[in-house]
PDB file of N, CA and C in Angstrom:
ATOM      1  N   MET A   1       1.998  19.446 -13.290  1.00  0.00           N
ATOM      2  CA  MET A   1       0.578  19.388 -13.045  1.00  0.00           C
ATOM      3  C   MET A   1       0.232  18.459 -11.889  1.00  0.00           C
ATOM      4  N   LEU A   2       0.804  17.257 -11.848  1.00  0.00           N
ATOM      5  CA  LEU A   2       0.475  16.314 -10.793  1.00  0.00           C
ATOM      6  C   LEU A   2       0.861  16.846  -9.415  1.00  0.00           C
ATOM      7  N   GLU A   3       1.879  17.685  -9.350  1.00  0.00           N
ATOM      8  CA  GLU A   3       2.290  18.252  -8.078  1.00  0.00           C
ATOM      9  C   GLU A   3       1.171  19.068  -7.442  1.00  0.00           C
ATOM     10  N   ASN A   4       0.253  19.595  -8.239  1.00  0.00           N
ATOM     11  CA  ASN A   4      -0.870  20.370  -7.705  1.00  0.00           C
ATOM     12  C   ASN A   4      -1.766  19.539  -6.803  1.00  0.00           C
ATOM     13  N   PHE A   5      -1.733  18.231  -6.961  1.00  0.00           N
ATOM     14  CA  PHE A   5      -2.597  17.346  -6.185  1.00  0.00           C
ATOM     15  C   PHE A   5      -1.915  16.812  -4.927  1.00  0.00           C
ATOM     16  N   ARG A   6      -0.621  17.008  -4.811  1.00  0.00           N
ATOM     17  CA  ARG A   6       0.116  16.512  -3.643  1.00  0.00           C
ATOM     18  C   ARG A   6      -0.349  17.232  -2.388  1.00  0.00           C
ATOM     19  N   GLY A   7      -0.379  16.476  -1.294  1.00  0.00           N
ATOM     20  CA  GLY A   7      -0.740  17.062  -0.016  1.00  0.00           C
ATOM     21  C   GLY A   7      -2.230  17.136   0.248  1.00  0.00           C
ATOM     22  N   ASN A   8      -3.033  16.646  -0.666  1.00  0.00           N
ATOM     23  CA  ASN A   8      -4.487  16.670  -0.485  1.00  0.00           C
ATOM     24  C   ASN A   8      -5.027  15.392   0.144  1.00  0.00           C
ATOM     25  N   LYS A   9      -4.135  14.485   0.508  1.00  0.00           N
ATOM     26  CA  LYS A   9      -4.483  13.216   1.168  1.00  0.00           C
ATOM     27  C   LYS A   9      -5.392  12.335   0.313  1.00  0.00           C
ATOM     28  N   ILE A  10      -5.216  12.424  -0.991  1.00  0.00           N
ATOM     29  CA  ILE A  10      -6.001  11.592  -1.905  1.00  0.00           C
ATOM     30  C   ILE A  10      -5.646  10.117  -1.726  1.00  0.00           C
ATOM     31  N   ALA A  11      -4.344   9.823  -1.656  1.00  0.00           N
ATOM     32  CA  ALA A  11      -3.916   8.431  -1.482  1.00  0.00           C
ATOM     33  C   ALA A  11      -4.440   7.868  -0.166  1.00  0.00           C
ATOM     34  N   GLU A  12      -4.397   8.670   0.893  1.00  0.00           N
ATOM     35  CA  GLU A  12      -4.898   8.220   2.193  1.00  0.00           C
ATOM     36  C   GLU A  12      -6.387   7.883   2.124  1.00  0.00           C
ATOM     37  N   ALA A  13      -7.157   8.706   1.444  1.00  0.00           N
ATOM     38  CA  ALA A  13      -8.599   8.451   1.304  1.00  0.00           C
ATOM     39  C   ALA A  13      -8.850   7.167   0.510  1.00  0.00           C
ATOM     40  N   LEU A  14      -8.084   6.957  -0.545  1.00  0.00           N
ATOM     41  CA  LEU A  14      -8.235   5.737  -1.341  1.00  0.00           C
ATOM     42  C   LEU A  14      -7.875   4.500  -0.525  1.00  0.00           C
ATOM     43  N   ILE A  15      -6.783   4.576   0.218  1.00  0.00           N
ATOM     44  CA  ILE A  15      -6.356   3.443   1.035  1.00  0.00           C
ATOM     45  C   ILE A  15      -7.401   3.135   2.103  1.00  0.00           C
ATOM     46  N   ASN A  16      -7.934   4.152   2.752  1.00  0.00           N
ATOM     47  CA  ASN A  16      -8.959   3.932   3.775  1.00  0.00           C
ATOM     48  C   ASN A  16     -10.211   3.295   3.189  1.00  0.00           C
ATOM     49  N   THR A  17     -10.560   3.656   1.964  1.00  0.00           N
ATOM     50  CA  THR A  17     -11.698   3.033   1.292  1.00  0.00           C
ATOM     51  C   THR A  17     -11.419   1.561   1.017  1.00  0.00           C
ATOM     52  N   VAL A  18     -10.206   1.253   0.596  1.00  0.00           N
ATOM     53  CA  VAL A  18      -9.829  -0.147   0.368  1.00  0.00           C
ATOM     54  C   VAL A  18      -9.900  -0.923   1.673  1.00  0.00           C
ATOM     55  N   PHE A  19      -9.371  -0.356   2.768  1.00  0.00           N
ATOM     56  CA  PHE A  19      -9.452  -1.018   4.075  1.00  0.00           C
ATOM     57  C   PHE A  19     -10.902  -1.339   4.418  1.00  0.00           C
ATOM     58  N   LYS A  20     -11.765  -0.353   4.288  1.00  0.00           N
ATOM     59  CA  LYS A  20     -13.180  -0.522   4.644  1.00  0.00           C
ATOM     60  C   LYS A  20     -13.827  -1.628   3.820  1.00  0.00           C
ATOM     61  N   LYS A  21     -13.611  -1.609   2.512  1.00  0.00           N
ATOM     62  CA  LYS A  21     -14.219  -2.620   1.636  1.00  0.00           C
ATOM     63  C   LYS A  21     -13.673  -4.011   1.943  1.00  0.00           C
ATOM     64  N   CYS A  22     -12.376  -4.113   2.187  1.00  0.00           N
ATOM     65  CA  CYS A  22     -11.782  -5.413   2.485  1.00  0.00           C
ATOM     66  C   CYS A  22     -12.330  -5.971   3.795  1.00  0.00           C
ATOM     67  N   LYS A  23     -12.482  -5.110   4.804  1.00  0.00           N
ATOM     68  CA  LYS A  23     -13.070  -5.545   6.076  1.00  0.00           C
ATOM     69  C   LYS A  23     -14.496  -6.036   5.861  1.00  0.00           C
ATOM     70  N   GLU A  24     -15.276  -5.291   5.059  1.00  0.00           N
ATOM     71  CA  GLU A  24     -16.655  -5.685   4.773  1.00  0.00           C
ATOM     72  C   GLU A  24     -16.714  -7.050   4.100  1.00  0.00           C
ATOM     73  N   MET A  25     -15.691  -7.364   3.318  1.00  0.00           N
ATOM     74  CA  MET A  25     -15.645  -8.634   2.605  1.00  0.00           C
ATOM     75  C   MET A  25     -15.063  -9.757   3.455  1.00  0.00           C
ATOM     76  N   GLY A  26     -14.638  -9.431   4.683  1.00  0.00           N
ATOM     77  CA  GLY A  26     -14.161 -10.452   5.598  1.00  0.00           C
ATOM     78  C   GLY A  26     -12.663 -10.692   5.600  1.00  0.00           C
ATOM     79  N   TYR A  27     -11.909  -9.888   4.893  1.00  0.00           N
ATOM     80  CA  TYR A  27     -10.455 -10.050   4.893  1.00  0.00           C
ATOM     81  C   TYR A  27      -9.884  -9.560   6.213  1.00  0.00           C
ATOM     82  N   THR A  28      -8.845 -10.238   6.680  1.00  0.00           N
ATOM     83  CA  THR A  28      -8.176  -9.821   7.905  1.00  0.00           C
ATOM     84  C   THR A  28      -6.765  -9.308   7.644  1.00  0.00           C
ATOM     85  N   LYS A  29      -6.276  -9.491   6.430  1.00  0.00           N
ATOM     86  CA  LYS A  29      -4.942  -9.027   6.062  1.00  0.00           C
ATOM     87  C   LYS A  29      -4.938  -8.711   4.570  1.00  0.00           C
ATOM     88  N   ILE A  30      -4.263  -7.624   4.197  1.00  0.00           N
ATOM     89  CA  ILE A  30      -4.113  -7.297   2.780  1.00  0.00           C
ATOM     90  C   ILE A  30      -2.640  -7.051   2.478  1.00  0.00           C
ATOM     91  N   TYR A  31      -2.281  -7.247   1.227  1.00  0.00           N
ATOM     92  CA  TYR A  31      -0.898  -7.113   0.782  1.00  0.00           C
ATOM     93  C   TYR A  31      -0.815  -6.069  -0.318  1.00  0.00           C
ATOM     94  N   LEU A  32       0.378  -5.472  -0.438  1.00  0.00           N
ATOM     95  CA  LEU A  32       0.629  -4.595  -1.572  1.00  0.00           C
ATOM     96  C   LEU A  32       2.084  -4.700  -1.966  1.00  0.00           C
ATOM     97  N   ARG A  33       2.343  -4.305  -3.197  1.00  0.00           N
ATOM     98  CA  ARG A  33       3.713  -4.238  -3.691  1.00  0.00           C
ATOM     99  C   ARG A  33       3.929  -2.850  -4.249  1.00  0.00           C
ATOM    100  N   THR A  34       5.151  -2.389  -4.150  1.00  0.00           N
ATOM    101  CA  THR A  34       5.478  -1.072  -4.663  1.00  0.00           C
ATOM    102  C   THR A  34       6.910  -1.071  -5.182  1.00  0.00           C
ATOM    103  N   GLU A  35       7.123  -0.320  -6.222  1.00  0.00           N
ATOM    104  CA  GLU A  35       8.455  -0.207  -6.790  1.00  0.00           C
ATOM    105  C   GLU A  35       9.160   1.068  -6.334  1.00  0.00           C
ATOM    106  N   HIS A  36       8.393   2.086  -5.918  1.00  0.00           N
ATOM    107  CA  HIS A  36       9.005   3.391  -5.656  1.00  0.00           C
ATOM    108  C   HIS A  36       8.558   4.058  -4.358  1.00  0.00           C
ATOM    109  N   THR A  37       7.559   3.540  -3.661  1.00  0.00           N
ATOM    110  CA  THR A  37       6.985   4.275  -2.530  1.00  0.00           C
ATOM    111  C   THR A  37       7.006   3.484  -1.226  1.00  0.00           C
ATOM    112  N   ALA A  38       8.022   2.650  -1.025  1.00  0.00           N
ATOM    113  CA  ALA A  38       8.107   1.835   0.186  1.00  0.00           C
ATOM    114  C   ALA A  38       8.096   2.705   1.445  1.00  0.00           C
ATOM    115  N   GLU A  39       8.818   3.799   1.428  1.00  0.00           N
ATOM    116  CA  GLU A  39       8.893   4.669   2.606  1.00  0.00           C
ATOM    117  C   GLU A  39       7.512   5.210   2.980  1.00  0.00           C
ATOM    118  N   TYR A  40       6.705   5.554   1.990  1.00  0.00           N
ATOM    119  CA  TYR A  40       5.349   6.062   2.225  1.00  0.00           C
ATOM    120  C   TYR A  40       4.538   5.056   3.041  1.00  0.00           C
ATOM    121  N   TYR A  41       4.588   3.790   2.632  1.00  0.00           N
ATOM    122  CA  TYR A  41       3.797   2.766   3.311  1.00  0.00           C
ATOM    123  C   TYR A  41       4.379   2.410   4.678  1.00  0.00           C
ATOM    124  N   GLN A  42       5.698   2.393   4.801  1.00  0.00           N
ATOM    125  CA  GLN A  42       6.311   2.134   6.100  1.00  0.00           C
ATOM    126  C   GLN A  42       5.878   3.188   7.116  1.00  0.00           C
ATOM    127  N   LYS A  43       5.863   4.433   6.715  1.00  0.00           N
ATOM    128  CA  LYS A  43       5.467   5.518   7.611  1.00  0.00           C
ATOM    129  C   LYS A  43       4.004   5.408   8.030  1.00  0.00           C
ATOM    130  N   ARG A  44       3.213   4.689   7.266  1.00  0.00           N
ATOM    131  CA  ARG A  44       1.789   4.566   7.550  1.00  0.00           C
ATOM    132  C   ARG A  44       1.415   3.233   8.179  1.00  0.00           C
ATOM    133  N   GLY A  45       2.411   2.527   8.698  1.00  0.00           N
ATOM    134  CA  GLY A  45       2.136   1.343   9.501  1.00  0.00           C
ATOM    135  C   GLY A  45       2.091   0.012   8.775  1.00  0.00           C
ATOM    136  N   TRP A  46       2.367   0.006   7.479  1.00  0.00           N
ATOM    137  CA  TRP A  46       2.412  -1.264   6.764  1.00  0.00           C
ATOM    138  C   TRP A  46       3.647  -2.037   7.231  1.00  0.00           C
ATOM    139  N   THR A  47       3.536  -3.360   7.268  1.00  0.00           N
ATOM    140  CA  THR A  47       4.632  -4.220   7.705  1.00  0.00           C
ATOM    141  C   THR A  47       5.373  -4.757   6.486  1.00  0.00           C
ATOM    142  N   PHE A  48       6.695  -4.566   6.494  1.00  0.00           N
ATOM    143  CA  PHE A  48       7.540  -5.082   5.417  1.00  0.00           C
ATOM    144  C   PHE A  48       7.495  -6.598   5.417  1.00  0.00           C
ATOM    145  N   LEU A  49       7.340  -7.193   4.232  1.00  0.00           N
ATOM    146  CA  LEU A  49       7.356  -8.647   4.103  1.00  0.00           C
ATOM    147  C   LEU A  49       8.627  -9.106   3.397  1.00  0.00           C
ATOM    148  N   GLU A  50       8.896  -8.532   2.210  1.00  0.00           N
ATOM    149  CA  GLU A  50      10.096  -8.939   1.476  1.00  0.00           C
ATOM    150  C   GLU A  50      10.377  -8.011   0.305  1.00  0.00           C
ATOM    151  N   ASN A  51      11.634  -8.023  -0.109  1.00  0.00           N
ATOM    152  CA  ASN A  51      12.018  -7.432  -1.390  1.00  0.00           C
ATOM    153  C   ASN A  51      12.109  -8.583  -2.365  1.00  0.00           C
ATOM    154  N   THR A  52      11.634  -8.378  -3.571  1.00  0.00           N
ATOM    155  CA  THR A  52      11.626  -9.448  -4.551  1.00  0.00           C
ATOM    156  C   THR A  52      11.759  -8.857  -5.948  1.00  0.00           C
ATOM    157  N   VAL A  53      11.830  -9.711  -6.919  1.00  0.00           N
ATOM    158  CA  VAL A  53      11.857  -9.315  -8.325  1.00  0.00           C
ATOM    159  C   VAL A  53      10.629  -9.922  -8.981  1.00  0.00           C
ATOM    160  N   ASP A  54       9.861  -9.093  -9.684  1.00  0.00           N
ATOM    161  CA  ASP A  54       8.625  -9.590 -10.287  1.00  0.00           C
ATOM    162  C   ASP A  54       8.891 -10.315 -11.599  1.00  0.00           C
ATOM    163  N   GLU A  55       7.831 -10.750 -12.220  1.00  0.00           N
ATOM    164  CA  GLU A  55       7.933 -11.539 -13.454  1.00  0.00           C
ATOM    165  C   GLU A  55       8.522 -10.761 -14.619  1.00  0.00           C
ATOM    166  N   TYR A  56       8.625  -9.436 -14.476  1.00  0.00           N
ATOM    167  CA  TYR A  56       9.205  -8.592 -15.531  1.00  0.00           C
ATOM    168  C   TYR A  56      10.635  -8.172 -15.203  1.00  0.00           C
ATOM    169  N   GLY A  57      11.171  -8.696 -14.102  1.00  0.00           N
ATOM    170  CA  GLY A  57      12.532  -8.383 -13.701  1.00  0.00           C
ATOM    171  C   GLY A  57      12.665  -7.084 -12.914  1.00  0.00           C
ATOM    172  N   GLU A  58      11.533  -6.514 -12.486  1.00  0.00           N
ATOM    173  CA  GLU A  58      11.568  -5.263 -11.740  1.00  0.00           C
ATOM    174  C   GLU A  58      11.615  -5.539 -10.234  1.00  0.00           C
ATOM    175  N   GLU A  59      12.526  -4.844  -9.552  1.00  0.00           N
ATOM    176  CA  GLU A  59      12.615  -4.984  -8.104  1.00  0.00           C
ATOM    177  C   GLU A  59      11.398  -4.340  -7.461  1.00  0.00           C
ATOM    178  N   THR A  60      10.812  -5.037  -6.494  1.00  0.00           N
ATOM    179  CA  THR A  60       9.616  -4.555  -5.832  1.00  0.00           C
ATOM    180  C   THR A  60       9.660  -4.917  -4.356  1.00  0.00           C
ATOM    181  N   THR A  61       8.976  -4.135  -3.555  1.00  0.00           N
ATOM    182  CA  THR A  61       8.883  -4.371  -2.117  1.00  0.00           C
ATOM    183  C   THR A  61       7.447  -4.765  -1.794  1.00  0.00           C
ATOM    184  N   VAL A  62       7.306  -5.786  -0.956  1.00  0.00           N
ATOM    185  CA  VAL A  62       5.987  -6.296  -0.583  1.00  0.00           C
ATOM    186  C   VAL A  62       5.734  -5.970   0.889  1.00  0.00           C
ATOM    187  N   PHE A  63       4.531  -5.451   1.163  1.00  0.00           N
ATOM    188  CA  PHE A  63       4.099  -5.125   2.515  1.00  0.00           C
ATOM    189  C   PHE A  63       2.745  -5.784   2.781  1.00  0.00           C
ATOM    190  N   TYR A  64       2.386  -5.862   4.061  1.00  0.00           N
ATOM    191  CA  TYR A  64       1.034  -6.276   4.410  1.00  0.00           C
ATOM    192  C   TYR A  64       0.516  -5.413   5.543  1.00  0.00           C
ATOM    193  N   MET A  65      -0.820  -5.414   5.679  1.00  0.00           N
ATOM    194  CA  MET A  65      -1.485  -4.689   6.749  1.00  0.00           C
ATOM    195  C   MET A  65      -2.544  -5.602   7.339  1.00  0.00           C
ATOM    196  N   SER A  66      -2.514  -5.778   8.643  1.00  0.00           N
ATOM    197  CA  SER A  66      -3.569  -6.515   9.330  1.00  0.00           C
ATOM    198  C   SER A  66      -4.768  -5.591   9.499  1.00  0.00           C
ATOM    199  N   LEU A  67      -5.934  -6.119   9.217  1.00  0.00           N
ATOM    200  CA  LEU A  67      -7.171  -5.333   9.336  1.00  0.00           C
ATOM    201  C   LEU A  67      -7.873  -5.759  10.602  1.00  0.00           C
ATOM    202  N   LYS A  68      -7.962  -4.871  11.556  1.00  0.00           N
ATOM    203  CA  LYS A  68      -8.565  -5.216  12.850  1.00  0.00           C
ATOM    204  C   LYS A  68      -9.928  -4.607  12.973  1.00  0.00           C
TER     205      LYS A  68
END
């Protein structure tokens, strides 16, 4: 069922909304962590910060994006 929603750029629209709101609030940089979709964010211009292990022992990748 979820595959039916792939390719509709839903994630891109959500991310762009977050960018807009963060800029409105005066942020110049935002961060995110992901356990499974690092390649997705790398392809979209996010900058790799580090690989780490969270408080639950799960490996995660941290990225940031400068908001200009």
